[in-house]
Amino acid sequence: MERFSDSDIAALTVCESKEELSYFLSGVTDTLKEMVRQEYLPDRFKGKL
């Protein structure tokens, strides 16, 4: 995400800025953690609810 400008992000995603993309990613990550069993998650996502 650091390599792209806000205009690049807007052209490539449904988000219009890095801030919006970060918020979107956080929401997706939270949803995934709620849907799957913790033992199947990569270590970087465990226990961050």
PDB file of N, CA and C in Angstrom:
ATOM      1  N   MET A   1       0.819  -1.182   0.000  1.00  0.00           N
ATOM      2  CA  MET A   1       0.000   0.000   0.000  1.00  0.00           C
ATOM      3  C   MET A   1       0.873   1.261   0.000  1.00  0.00           C
ATOM      4  N   GLU A   2       2.054   1.181   0.610  1.00  0.00           N
ATOM      5  CA  GLU A   2       2.941   2.343   0.672  1.00  0.00           C
ATOM      6  C   GLU A   2       3.474   2.729  -0.703  1.00  0.00           C
ATOM      7  N   ARG A   3       3.527   1.775  -1.611  1.00  0.00           N
ATOM      8  CA  ARG A   3       4.100   2.036  -2.939  1.00  0.00           C
ATOM      9  C   ARG A   3       3.136   2.766  -3.871  1.00  0.00           C
ATOM     10  N   PHE A   4       1.874   2.840  -3.511  1.00  0.00           N
ATOM     11  CA  PHE A   4       0.867   3.412  -4.404  1.00  0.00           C
ATOM     12  C   PHE A   4       0.355   4.750  -3.888  1.00  0.00           C
ATOM     13  N   SER A   5       0.035   5.623  -4.805  1.00  0.00           N
ATOM     14  CA  SER A   5      -0.568   6.909  -4.443  1.00  0.00           C
ATOM     15  C   SER A   5      -2.075   6.696  -4.264  1.00  0.00           C
ATOM     16  N   ASP A   6      -2.733   7.698  -3.704  1.00  0.00           N
ATOM     17  CA  ASP A   6      -4.186   7.602  -3.542  1.00  0.00           C
ATOM     18  C   ASP A   6      -4.885   7.445  -4.893  1.00  0.00           C
ATOM     19  N   SER A   7      -4.372   8.110  -5.913  1.00  0.00           N
ATOM     20  CA  SER A   7      -5.000   7.979  -7.238  1.00  0.00           C
ATOM     21  C   SER A   7      -4.800   6.577  -7.815  1.00  0.00           C
ATOM     22  N   ASP A   8      -3.640   5.959  -7.560  1.00  0.00           N
ATOM     23  CA  ASP A   8      -3.422   4.572  -7.990  1.00  0.00           C
ATOM     24  C   ASP A   8      -4.386   3.632  -7.270  1.00  0.00           C
ATOM     25  N   ILE A   9      -4.542   3.835  -5.976  1.00  0.00           N
ATOM     26  CA  ILE A   9      -5.450   2.999  -5.185  1.00  0.00           C
ATOM     27  C   ILE A   9      -6.874   3.151  -5.686  1.00  0.00           C
ATOM     28  N   ALA A  10      -7.286   4.376  -5.981  1.00  0.00           N
ATOM     29  CA  ALA A  10      -8.633   4.613  -6.497  1.00  0.00           C
ATOM     30  C   ALA A  10      -8.849   3.916  -7.842  1.00  0.00           C
ATOM     31  N   ALA A  11      -7.814   3.886  -8.662  1.00  0.00           N
ATOM     32  CA  ALA A  11      -7.933   3.247  -9.979  1.00  0.00           C
ATOM     33  C   ALA A  11      -7.969   1.721  -9.885  1.00  0.00           C
ATOM     34  N   LEU A  12      -7.336   1.166  -8.849  1.00  0.00           N
ATOM     35  CA  LEU A  12      -7.206  -0.289  -8.745  1.00  0.00           C
ATOM     36  C   LEU A  12      -8.199  -0.958  -7.793  1.00  0.00           C
ATOM     37  N   THR A  13      -8.833  -0.177  -6.934  1.00  0.00           N
ATOM     38  CA  THR A  13      -9.732  -0.749  -5.925  1.00  0.00           C
ATOM     39  C   THR A  13     -11.030   0.043  -5.866  1.00  0.00           C
ATOM     40  N   VAL A  14     -11.893  -0.353  -4.955  1.00  0.00           N
ATOM     41  CA  VAL A  14     -13.134   0.389  -4.728  1.00  0.00           C
ATOM     42  C   VAL A  14     -12.921   1.520  -3.727  1.00  0.00           C
ATOM     43  N   CYS A  15     -11.719   1.624  -3.193  1.00  0.00           N
ATOM     44  CA  CYS A  15     -11.385   2.653  -2.208  1.00  0.00           C
ATOM     45  C   CYS A  15     -10.745   3.854  -2.897  1.00  0.00           C
ATOM     46  N   GLU A  16     -10.839   5.022  -2.248  1.00  0.00           N
ATOM     47  CA  GLU A  16     -10.314   6.240  -2.864  1.00  0.00           C
ATOM     48  C   GLU A  16      -9.030   6.748  -2.231  1.00  0.00           C
ATOM     49  N   SER A  17      -8.567   6.096  -1.149  1.00  0.00           N
ATOM     50  CA  SER A  17      -7.341   6.563  -0.499  1.00  0.00           C
ATOM     51  C   SER A  17      -6.713   5.424   0.300  1.00  0.00           C
ATOM     52  N   LYS A  18      -5.479   5.645   0.744  1.00  0.00           N
ATOM     53  CA  LYS A  18      -4.799   4.662   1.585  1.00  0.00           C
ATOM     54  C   LYS A  18      -5.540   4.480   2.898  1.00  0.00           C
ATOM     55  N   GLU A  19      -6.045   5.583   3.433  1.00  0.00           N
ATOM     56  CA  GLU A  19      -6.788   5.520   4.694  1.00  0.00           C
ATOM     57  C   GLU A  19      -8.046   4.667   4.546  1.00  0.00           C
ATOM     58  N   GLU A  20      -8.787   4.874   3.490  1.00  0.00           N
ATOM     59  CA  GLU A  20     -10.000   4.102   3.255  1.00  0.00           C
ATOM     60  C   GLU A  20      -9.667   2.630   3.014  1.00  0.00           C
ATOM     61  N   LEU A  21      -8.600   2.362   2.269  1.00  0.00           N
ATOM     62  CA  LEU A  21      -8.184   0.993   2.009  1.00  0.00           C
ATOM     63  C   LEU A  21      -7.765   0.299   3.308  1.00  0.00           C
ATOM     64  N   SER A  22      -7.071   1.004   4.188  1.00  0.00           N
ATOM     65  CA  SER A  22      -6.679   0.443   5.486  1.00  0.00           C
ATOM     66  C   SER A  22      -7.904   0.084   6.313  1.00  0.00           C
ATOM     67  N   TYR A  23      -8.890   0.968   6.309  1.00  0.00           N
ATOM     68  CA  TYR A  23     -10.132   0.717   7.044  1.00  0.00           C
ATOM     69  C   TYR A  23     -10.854  -0.504   6.470  1.00  0.00           C
ATOM     70  N   PHE A  24     -10.925  -0.585   5.150  1.00  0.00           N
ATOM     71  CA  PHE A  24     -11.562  -1.714   4.473  1.00  0.00           C
ATOM     72  C   PHE A  24     -10.846  -3.022   4.810  1.00  0.00           C
ATOM     73  N   LEU A  25      -9.514  -3.017   4.759  1.00  0.00           N
ATOM     74  CA  LEU A  25      -8.717  -4.198   5.076  1.00  0.00           C
ATOM     75  C   LEU A  25      -8.943  -4.637   6.517  1.00  0.00           C
ATOM     76  N   SER A  26      -9.013  -3.683   7.422  1.00  0.00           N
ATOM     77  CA  SER A  26      -9.264  -3.994   8.827  1.00  0.00           C
ATOM     78  C   SER A  26     -10.614  -4.681   8.997  1.00  0.00           C
ATOM     79  N   GLY A  27     -11.628  -4.198   8.311  1.00  0.00           N
ATOM     80  CA  GLY A  27     -12.959  -4.801   8.387  1.00  0.00           C
ATOM     81  C   GLY A  27     -12.975  -6.211   7.835  1.00  0.00           C
ATOM     82  N   VAL A  28     -12.302  -6.420   6.724  1.00  0.00           N
ATOM     83  CA  VAL A  28     -12.235  -7.758   6.122  1.00  0.00           C
ATOM     84  C   VAL A  28     -11.491  -8.721   7.057  1.00  0.00           C
ATOM     85  N   THR A  29     -10.385  -8.250   7.623  1.00  0.00           N
ATOM     86  CA  THR A  29      -9.606  -9.079   8.540  1.00  0.00           C
ATOM     87  C   THR A  29     -10.433  -9.461   9.760  1.00  0.00           C
ATOM     88  N   ASP A  30     -11.143  -8.507  10.333  1.00  0.00           N
ATOM     89  CA  ASP A  30     -11.992  -8.794  11.493  1.00  0.00           C
ATOM     90  C   ASP A  30     -13.076  -9.810  11.153  1.00  0.00           C
ATOM     91  N   THR A  31     -13.681  -9.667   9.992  1.00  0.00           N
ATOM     92  CA  THR A  31     -14.726 -10.604   9.563  1.00  0.00           C
ATOM     93  C   THR A  31     -14.162 -12.008   9.402  1.00  0.00           C
ATOM     94  N   LEU A  32     -12.998 -12.134   8.792  1.00  0.00           N
ATOM     95  CA  LEU A  32     -12.376 -13.449   8.612  1.00  0.00           C
ATOM     96  C   LEU A  32     -12.075 -14.107   9.954  1.00  0.00           C
ATOM     97  N   LYS A  33     -11.579 -13.322  10.901  1.00  0.00           N
ATOM     98  CA  LYS A  33     -11.247 -13.875  12.214  1.00  0.00           C
ATOM     99  C   LYS A  33     -12.485 -14.376  12.943  1.00  0.00           C
ATOM    100  N   GLU A  34     -13.620 -13.757  12.711  1.00  0.00           N
ATOM    101  CA  GLU A  34     -14.858 -14.175  13.350  1.00  0.00           C
ATOM    102  C   GLU A  34     -15.462 -15.410  12.683  1.00  0.00           C
ATOM    103  N   MET A  35     -15.122 -15.656  11.424  1.00  0.00           N
ATOM    104  CA  MET A  35     -15.750 -16.727  10.661  1.00  0.00           C
ATOM    105  C   MET A  35     -15.005 -18.048  10.731  1.00  0.00           C
ATOM    106  N   VAL A  36     -13.734 -18.047  10.970  1.00  0.00           N
ATOM    107  CA  VAL A  36     -12.956 -19.273  10.928  1.00  0.00           C
ATOM    108  C   VAL A  36     -12.437 -19.632  12.300  1.00  0.00           C
ATOM    109  N   ARG A  37     -12.059 -20.876  12.442  1.00  0.00           N
ATOM    110  CA  ARG A  37     -11.472 -21.333  13.697  1.00  0.00           C
ATOM    111  C   ARG A  37     -10.058 -20.793  13.813  1.00  0.00           C
ATOM    112  N   GLN A  38      -9.719 -20.328  15.003  1.00  0.00           N
ATOM    113  CA  GLN A  38      -8.436 -19.676  15.233  1.00  0.00           C
ATOM    114  C   GLN A  38      -7.235 -20.550  14.855  1.00  0.00           C
ATOM    115  N   GLU A  39      -7.319 -21.844  15.031  1.00  0.00           N
ATOM    116  CA  GLU A  39      -6.155 -22.683  14.745  1.00  0.00           C
ATOM    117  C   GLU A  39      -5.798 -22.729  13.259  1.00  0.00           C
ATOM    118  N   TYR A  40      -6.712 -22.318  12.402  1.00  0.00           N
ATOM    119  CA  TYR A  40      -6.429 -22.313  10.969  1.00  0.00           C
ATOM    120  C   TYR A  40      -5.940 -20.955  10.460  1.00  0.00           C
ATOM    121  N   LEU A  41      -5.939 -19.959  11.311  1.00  0.00           N
ATOM    122  CA  LEU A  41      -5.471 -18.634  10.909  1.00  0.00           C
ATOM    123  C   LEU A  41      -3.954 -18.559  10.938  1.00  0.00           C
ATOM    124  N   PRO A  42      -3.357 -17.781  10.069  1.00  0.00           N
ATOM    125  CA  PRO A  42      -1.921 -17.534  10.167  1.00  0.00           C
ATOM    126  C   PRO A  42      -1.614 -16.862  11.511  1.00  0.00           C
ATOM    127  N   ASP A  43      -0.436 -17.077  12.043  1.00  0.00           N
ATOM    128  CA  ASP A  43      -0.059 -16.539  13.348  1.00  0.00           C
ATOM    129  C   ASP A  43      -0.256 -15.030  13.450  1.00  0.00           C
ATOM    130  N   ARG A  44      -0.062 -14.304  12.349  1.00  0.00           N
ATOM    131  CA  ARG A  44      -0.155 -12.855  12.415  1.00  0.00           C
ATOM    132  C   ARG A  44      -1.566 -12.364  12.725  1.00  0.00           C
ATOM    133  N   PHE A  45      -2.585 -13.229  12.577  1.00  0.00           N
ATOM    134  CA  PHE A  45      -3.957 -12.829  12.854  1.00  0.00           C
ATOM    135  C   PHE A  45      -4.488 -13.365  14.182  1.00  0.00           C
ATOM    136  N   LYS A  46      -3.802 -14.290  14.792  1.00  0.00           N
ATOM    137  CA  LYS A  46      -4.302 -14.915  16.012  1.00  0.00           C
ATOM    138  C   LYS A  46      -4.290 -13.945  17.175  1.00  0.00           C
ATOM    139  N   GLY A  47      -5.366 -14.000  17.958  1.00  0.00           N
ATOM    140  CA  GLY A  47      -5.445 -13.231  19.194  1.00  0.00           C
ATOM    141  C   GLY A  47      -5.532 -11.732  19.026  1.00  0.00           C
ATOM    142  N   LYS A  48      -5.873 -11.238  17.857  1.00  0.00           N
ATOM    143  CA  LYS A  48      -5.965  -9.793  17.659  1.00  0.00           C
ATOM    144  C   LYS A  48      -7.411  -9.340  17.571  1.00  0.00           C
ATOM    145  N   LEU A  49      -8.311 -10.072  18.164  1.00  0.00           N
ATOM    146  CA  LEU A  49      -9.710  -9.662  18.171  1.00  0.00           C
ATOM    147  C   LEU A  49      -9.854  -8.618  19.199  1.00  0.00           C
TER     148      LEU A  49
END
